[in-house]
Amino acid sequence: MDIQLTTNGASCIDASTTSRPFQEYHNNLKELEKSKKGLKCAQKELQVAEELVTLPTMLSGDT
């Protein structure tokens, strides 16, 4: 009886419903990677901007 129930339960699983959460997870991972790359670019831009702000001070010799 248990074997029959297990077999019926397994055959009732729809591939489209089980793969959807994994697809969403995969899409979320892709978005996270994009966000990480965007963050790295923004950090680099901030670093360059900070250097540009301090550059005139360094050139004039005022500390």
PDB file of N, CA and C in Angstrom:
ATOM      1  N   MET A   1       0.822  -1.201   0.000  1.00  0.00           N
ATOM      2  CA  MET A   1       0.000   0.000   0.000  1.00  0.00           C
ATOM      3  C   MET A   1       0.867   1.267   0.000  1.00  0.00           C
ATOM      4  N   ASP A   2       1.881   1.278   0.831  1.00  0.00           N
ATOM      5  CA  ASP A   2       2.767   2.443   0.879  1.00  0.00           C
ATOM      6  C   ASP A   2       3.465   2.669  -0.460  1.00  0.00           C
ATOM      7  N   ILE A   3       3.884   1.575  -1.083  1.00  0.00           N
ATOM      8  CA  ILE A   3       4.573   1.682  -2.368  1.00  0.00           C
ATOM      9  C   ILE A   3       3.632   2.286  -3.413  1.00  0.00           C
ATOM     10  N   GLN A   4       2.387   1.825  -3.401  1.00  0.00           N
ATOM     11  CA  GLN A   4       1.396   2.354  -4.346  1.00  0.00           C
ATOM     12  C   GLN A   4       1.195   3.855  -4.141  1.00  0.00           C
ATOM     13  N   LEU A   5       1.075   4.287  -2.884  1.00  0.00           N
ATOM     14  CA  LEU A   5       0.885   5.706  -2.589  1.00  0.00           C
ATOM     15  C   LEU A   5       2.086   6.527  -3.033  1.00  0.00           C
ATOM     16  N   THR A   6       3.283   6.007  -2.770  1.00  0.00           N
ATOM     17  CA  THR A   6       4.502   6.711  -3.162  1.00  0.00           C
ATOM     18  C   THR A   6       4.565   6.864  -4.679  1.00  0.00           C
ATOM     19  N   THR A   7       4.234   5.802  -5.387  1.00  0.00           N
ATOM     20  CA  THR A   7       4.261   5.835  -6.838  1.00  0.00           C
ATOM     21  C   THR A   7       3.246   6.843  -7.366  1.00  0.00           C
ATOM     22  N   ASN A   8       2.042   6.827  -6.806  1.00  0.00           N
ATOM     23  CA  ASN A   8       1.020   7.777  -7.239  1.00  0.00           C
ATOM     24  C   ASN A   8       1.443   9.215  -6.930  1.00  0.00           C
ATOM     25  N   GLY A   9       2.018   9.408  -5.760  1.00  0.00           N
ATOM     26  CA  GLY A   9       2.468  10.743  -5.385  1.00  0.00           C
ATOM     27  C   GLY A   9       3.541  11.261  -6.328  1.00  0.00           C
ATOM     28  N   ALA A  10       4.459  10.384  -6.700  1.00  0.00           N
ATOM     29  CA  ALA A  10       5.544  10.784  -7.583  1.00  0.00           C
ATOM     30  C   ALA A  10       5.027  11.107  -8.980  1.00  0.00           C
ATOM     31  N   SER A  11       4.044  10.348  -9.434  1.00  0.00           N
ATOM     32  CA  SER A  11       3.536  10.567 -10.786  1.00  0.00           C
ATOM     33  C   SER A  11       2.672  11.828 -10.864  1.00  0.00           C
ATOM     34  N   CYS A  12       2.192  12.291  -9.707  1.00  0.00           N
ATOM     35  CA  CYS A  12       1.336  13.476  -9.706  1.00  0.00           C
ATOM     36  C   CYS A  12       2.136  14.786  -9.742  1.00  0.00           C
ATOM     37  N   ILE A  13       3.426  14.675  -9.492  1.00  0.00           N
ATOM     38  CA  ILE A  13       4.244  15.903  -9.474  1.00  0.00           C
ATOM     39  C   ILE A  13       4.362  16.439 -10.894  1.00  0.00           C
ATOM     40  N   ASP A  14       3.985  17.679 -11.070  1.00  0.00           N
ATOM     41  CA  ASP A  14       4.054  18.311 -12.382  1.00  0.00           C
ATOM     42  C   ASP A  14       5.414  18.985 -12.527  1.00  0.00           C
ATOM     43  N   ALA A  15       6.090  18.684 -13.600  1.00  0.00           N
ATOM     44  CA  ALA A  15       7.435  19.219 -13.802  1.00  0.00           C
ATOM     45  C   ALA A  15       7.434  20.749 -13.856  1.00  0.00           C
ATOM     46  N   SER A  16       6.379  21.339 -14.405  1.00  0.00           N
ATOM     47  CA  SER A  16       6.344  22.796 -14.525  1.00  0.00           C
ATOM     48  C   SER A  16       6.217  23.468 -13.160  1.00  0.00           C
ATOM     49  N   THR A  17       5.506  22.834 -12.227  1.00  0.00           N
ATOM     50  CA  THR A  17       5.352  23.446 -10.906  1.00  0.00           C
ATOM     51  C   THR A  17       6.596  23.249 -10.053  1.00  0.00           C
ATOM     52  N   THR A  18       7.311  22.144 -10.260  1.00  0.00           N
ATOM     53  CA  THR A  18       8.515  21.920  -9.453  1.00  0.00           C
ATOM     54  C   THR A  18       9.692  22.726  -9.974  1.00  0.00           C
ATOM     55  N   SER A  19       9.725  22.995 -11.270  1.00  0.00           N
ATOM     56  CA  SER A  19      10.866  23.722 -11.822  1.00  0.00           C
ATOM     57  C   SER A  19      10.723  25.233 -11.638  1.00  0.00           C
ATOM     58  N   ARG A  20       9.514  25.739 -11.413  1.00  0.00           N
ATOM     59  CA  ARG A  20       9.315  27.188 -11.274  1.00  0.00           C
ATOM     60  C   ARG A  20      10.125  27.794 -10.124  1.00  0.00           C
ATOM     61  N   PRO A  21      10.089  27.209  -8.914  1.00  0.00           N
ATOM     62  CA  PRO A  21      10.899  27.797  -7.834  1.00  0.00           C
ATOM     63  C   PRO A  21      12.391  27.816  -8.161  1.00  0.00           C
ATOM     64  N   PHE A  22      12.858  26.761  -8.834  1.00  0.00           N
ATOM     65  CA  PHE A  22      14.266  26.719  -9.200  1.00  0.00           C
ATOM     66  C   PHE A  22      14.582  27.778 -10.248  1.00  0.00           C
ATOM     67  N   GLN A  23      13.657  27.994 -11.174  1.00  0.00           N
ATOM     68  CA  GLN A  23      13.850  29.026 -12.195  1.00  0.00           C
ATOM     69  C   GLN A  23      13.886  30.401 -11.541  1.00  0.00           C
ATOM     70  N   GLU A  24      12.975  30.640 -10.594  1.00  0.00           N
ATOM     71  CA  GLU A  24      12.969  31.917  -9.880  1.00  0.00           C
ATOM     72  C   GLU A  24      14.256  32.100  -9.095  1.00  0.00           C
ATOM     73  N   TYR A  25      14.718  31.030  -8.456  1.00  0.00           N
ATOM     74  CA  TYR A  25      15.975  31.075  -7.706  1.00  0.00           C
ATOM     75  C   TYR A  25      17.127  31.416  -8.637  1.00  0.00           C
ATOM     76  N   HIS A  26      17.153  30.778  -9.797  1.00  0.00           N
ATOM     77  CA  HIS A  26      18.209  31.029 -10.790  1.00  0.00           C
ATOM     78  C   HIS A  26      18.166  32.484 -11.262  1.00  0.00           C
ATOM     79  N   ASN A  27      16.953  32.975 -11.534  1.00  0.00           N
ATOM     80  CA  ASN A  27      16.801  34.373 -11.954  1.00  0.00           C
ATOM     81  C   ASN A  27      17.260  35.335 -10.862  1.00  0.00           C
ATOM     82  N   ASN A  28      16.935  35.008  -9.601  1.00  0.00           N
ATOM     83  CA  ASN A  28      17.367  35.845  -8.481  1.00  0.00           C
ATOM     84  C   ASN A  28      18.884  35.865  -8.370  1.00  0.00           C
ATOM     85  N   LEU A  29      19.509  34.716  -8.615  1.00  0.00           N
ATOM     86  CA  LEU A  29      20.974  34.658  -8.585  1.00  0.00           C
ATOM     87  C   LEU A  29      21.566  35.546  -9.673  1.00  0.00           C
ATOM     88  N   LYS A  30      20.958  35.516 -10.862  1.00  0.00           N
ATOM     89  CA  LYS A  30      21.434  36.364 -11.962  1.00  0.00           C
ATOM     90  C   LYS A  30      21.331  37.834 -11.583  1.00  0.00           C
ATOM     91  N   GLU A  31      20.191  38.216 -11.002  1.00  0.00           N
ATOM     92  CA  GLU A  31      19.986  39.602 -10.583  1.00  0.00           C
ATOM     93  C   GLU A  31      21.002  39.997  -9.512  1.00  0.00           C
ATOM     94  N   LEU A  32      21.294  39.081  -8.607  1.00  0.00           N
ATOM     95  CA  LEU A  32      22.270  39.344  -7.554  1.00  0.00           C
ATOM     96  C   LEU A  32      23.651  39.583  -8.149  1.00  0.00           C
ATOM     97  N   GLU A  33      24.019  38.777  -9.137  1.00  0.00           N
ATOM     98  CA  GLU A  33      25.315  38.954  -9.789  1.00  0.00           C
ATOM     99  C   GLU A  33      25.389  40.317 -10.483  1.00  0.00           C
ATOM    100  N   LYS A  34      24.294  40.704 -11.156  1.00  0.00           N
ATOM    101  CA  LYS A  34      24.247  42.021 -11.798  1.00  0.00           C
ATOM    102  C   LYS A  34      24.401  43.120 -10.762  1.00  0.00           C
ATOM    103  N   SER A  35      23.723  42.964  -9.634  1.00  0.00           N
ATOM    104  CA  SER A  35      23.786  43.960  -8.566  1.00  0.00           C
ATOM    105  C   SER A  35      25.201  44.073  -8.011  1.00  0.00           C
ATOM    106  N   LYS A  36      25.861  42.929  -7.850  1.00  0.00           N
ATOM    107  CA  LYS A  36      27.239  42.929  -7.345  1.00  0.00           C
ATOM    108  C   LYS A  36      28.154  43.670  -8.310  1.00  0.00           C
ATOM    109  N   LYS A  37      27.988  43.411  -9.614  1.00  0.00           N
ATOM    110  CA  LYS A  37      28.810  44.086 -10.619  1.00  0.00           C
ATOM    111  C   LYS A  37      28.534  45.579 -10.602  1.00  0.00           C
ATOM    112  N   GLY A  38      27.260  45.948 -10.496  1.00  0.00           N
ATOM    113  CA  GLY A  38      26.893  47.358 -10.434  1.00  0.00           C
ATOM    114  C   GLY A  38      27.474  48.032  -9.208  1.00  0.00           C
ATOM    115  N   LEU A  39      27.469  47.313  -8.089  1.00  0.00           N
ATOM    116  CA  LEU A  39      28.023  47.854  -6.857  1.00  0.00           C
ATOM    117  C   LEU A  39      29.519  48.070  -6.990  1.00  0.00           C
ATOM    118  N   LYS A  40      30.216  47.111  -7.598  1.00  0.00           N
ATOM    119  CA  LYS A  40      31.659  47.257  -7.794  1.00  0.00           C
ATOM    120  C   LYS A  40      31.960  48.471  -8.665  1.00  0.00           C
ATOM    121  N   CYS A  41      31.175  48.670  -9.723  1.00  0.00           N
ATOM    122  CA  CYS A  41      31.366  49.827 -10.597  1.00  0.00           C
ATOM    123  C   CYS A  41      31.125  51.122  -9.827  1.00  0.00           C
ATOM    124  N   ALA A  42      30.079  51.147  -9.031  1.00  0.00           N
ATOM    125  CA  ALA A  42      29.758  52.346  -8.258  1.00  0.00           C
ATOM    126  C   ALA A  42      30.855  52.639  -7.239  1.00  0.00           C
ATOM    127  N   GLN A  43      31.389  51.604  -6.604  1.00  0.00           N
ATOM    128  CA  GLN A  43      32.480  51.795  -5.645  1.00  0.00           C
ATOM    129  C   GLN A  43      33.714  52.361  -6.337  1.00  0.00           C
ATOM    130  N   LYS A  44      34.006  51.865  -7.529  1.00  0.00           N
ATOM    131  CA  LYS A  44      35.165  52.346  -8.295  1.00  0.00           C
ATOM    132  C   LYS A  44      34.951  53.810  -8.678  1.00  0.00           C
ATOM    133  N   GLU A  45      33.746  54.146  -9.136  1.00  0.00           N
ATOM    134  CA  GLU A  45      33.440  55.528  -9.501  1.00  0.00           C
ATOM    135  C   GLU A  45      33.565  56.449  -8.291  1.00  0.00           C
ATOM    136  N   LEU A  46      33.112  55.978  -7.135  1.00  0.00           N
ATOM    137  CA  LEU A  46      33.216  56.764  -5.916  1.00  0.00           C
ATOM    138  C   LEU A  46      34.678  56.994  -5.553  1.00  0.00           C
ATOM    139  N   GLN A  47      35.484  55.955  -5.684  1.00  0.00           N
ATOM    140  CA  GLN A  47      36.906  56.064  -5.378  1.00  0.00           C
ATOM    141  C   GLN A  47      37.571  57.093  -6.296  1.00  0.00           C
ATOM    142  N   VAL A  48      37.261  57.045  -7.585  1.00  0.00           N
ATOM    143  CA  VAL A  48      37.816  57.995  -8.545  1.00  0.00           C
ATOM    144  C   VAL A  48      37.365  59.417  -8.207  1.00  0.00           C
ATOM    145  N   ALA A  49      36.087  59.558  -7.866  1.00  0.00           N
ATOM    146  CA  ALA A  49      35.558  60.873  -7.521  1.00  0.00           C
ATOM    147  C   ALA A  49      36.257  61.430  -6.277  1.00  0.00           C
ATOM    148  N   GLU A  50      36.483  60.584  -5.284  1.00  0.00           N
ATOM    149  CA  GLU A  50      37.176  61.021  -4.073  1.00  0.00           C
ATOM    150  C   GLU A  50      38.598  61.454  -4.391  1.00  0.00           C
ATOM    151  N   GLU A  51      39.256  60.718  -5.285  1.00  0.00           N
ATOM    152  CA  GLU A  51      40.617  61.083  -5.681  1.00  0.00           C
ATOM    153  C   GLU A  51      40.622  62.415  -6.418  1.00  0.00           C
ATOM    154  N   LEU A  52      39.621  62.638  -7.263  1.00  0.00           N
ATOM    155  CA  LEU A  52      39.540  63.902  -7.995  1.00  0.00           C
ATOM    156  C   LEU A  52      39.311  65.079  -7.052  1.00  0.00           C
ATOM    157  N   VAL A  53      38.539  64.842  -5.991  1.00  0.00           N
ATOM    158  CA  VAL A  53      38.271  65.901  -5.018  1.00  0.00           C
ATOM    159  C   VAL A  53      39.535  66.246  -4.245  1.00  0.00           C
ATOM    160  N   THR A  54      40.326  65.242  -3.914  1.00  0.00           N
ATOM    161  CA  THR A  54      41.534  65.489  -3.128  1.00  0.00           C
ATOM    162  C   THR A  54      42.713  65.930  -3.992  1.00  0.00           C
ATOM    163  N   LEU A  55      42.626  65.750  -5.288  1.00  0.00           N
ATOM    164  CA  LEU A  55      43.729  66.086  -6.186  1.00  0.00           C
ATOM    165  C   LEU A  55      44.149  67.553  -6.104  1.00  0.00           C
ATOM    166  N   PRO A  56      43.231  68.519  -6.192  1.00  0.00           N
ATOM    167  CA  PRO A  56      43.656  69.923  -6.117  1.00  0.00           C
ATOM    168  C   PRO A  56      44.376  70.250  -4.806  1.00  0.00           C
ATOM    169  N   THR A  57      43.922  69.643  -3.712  1.00  0.00           N
ATOM    170  CA  THR A  57      44.559  69.873  -2.417  1.00  0.00           C
ATOM    171  C   THR A  57      45.986  69.341  -2.442  1.00  0.00           C
ATOM    172  N   MET A  58      46.166  68.170  -3.023  1.00  0.00           N
ATOM    173  CA  MET A  58      47.499  67.573  -3.101  1.00  0.00           C
ATOM    174  C   MET A  58      48.407  68.398  -4.004  1.00  0.00           C
ATOM    175  N   LEU A  59      47.871  68.917  -5.086  1.00  0.00           N
ATOM    176  CA  LEU A  59      48.675  69.696  -6.029  1.00  0.00           C
ATOM    177  C   LEU A  59      49.100  71.036  -5.433  1.00  0.00           C
ATOM    178  N   SER A  60      48.219  71.651  -4.659  1.00  0.00           N
ATOM    179  CA  SER A  60      48.537  72.959  -4.093  1.00  0.00           C
ATOM    180  C   SER A  60      49.462  72.839  -2.886  1.00  0.00           C
ATOM    181  N   GLY A  61      49.571  71.633  -2.330  1.00  0.00           N
ATOM    182  CA  GLY A  61      50.454  71.437  -1.194  1.00  0.00           C
ATOM    183  C   GLY A  61      49.796  71.705   0.133  1.00  0.00           C
ATOM    184  N   ASP A  62      48.536  72.126   0.140  1.00  0.00           N
ATOM    185  CA  ASP A  62      47.817  72.339   1.400  1.00  0.00           C
ATOM    186  C   ASP A  62      47.380  70.993   1.943  1.00  0.00           C
ATOM    187  N   THR A  63      47.645  70.789   3.230  1.00  0.00           N
ATOM    188  CA  THR A  63      47.222  69.518   3.820  1.00  0.00           C
ATOM    189  C   THR A  63      46.333  69.774   5.005  1.00  0.00           C
TER     190      THR A  63
END
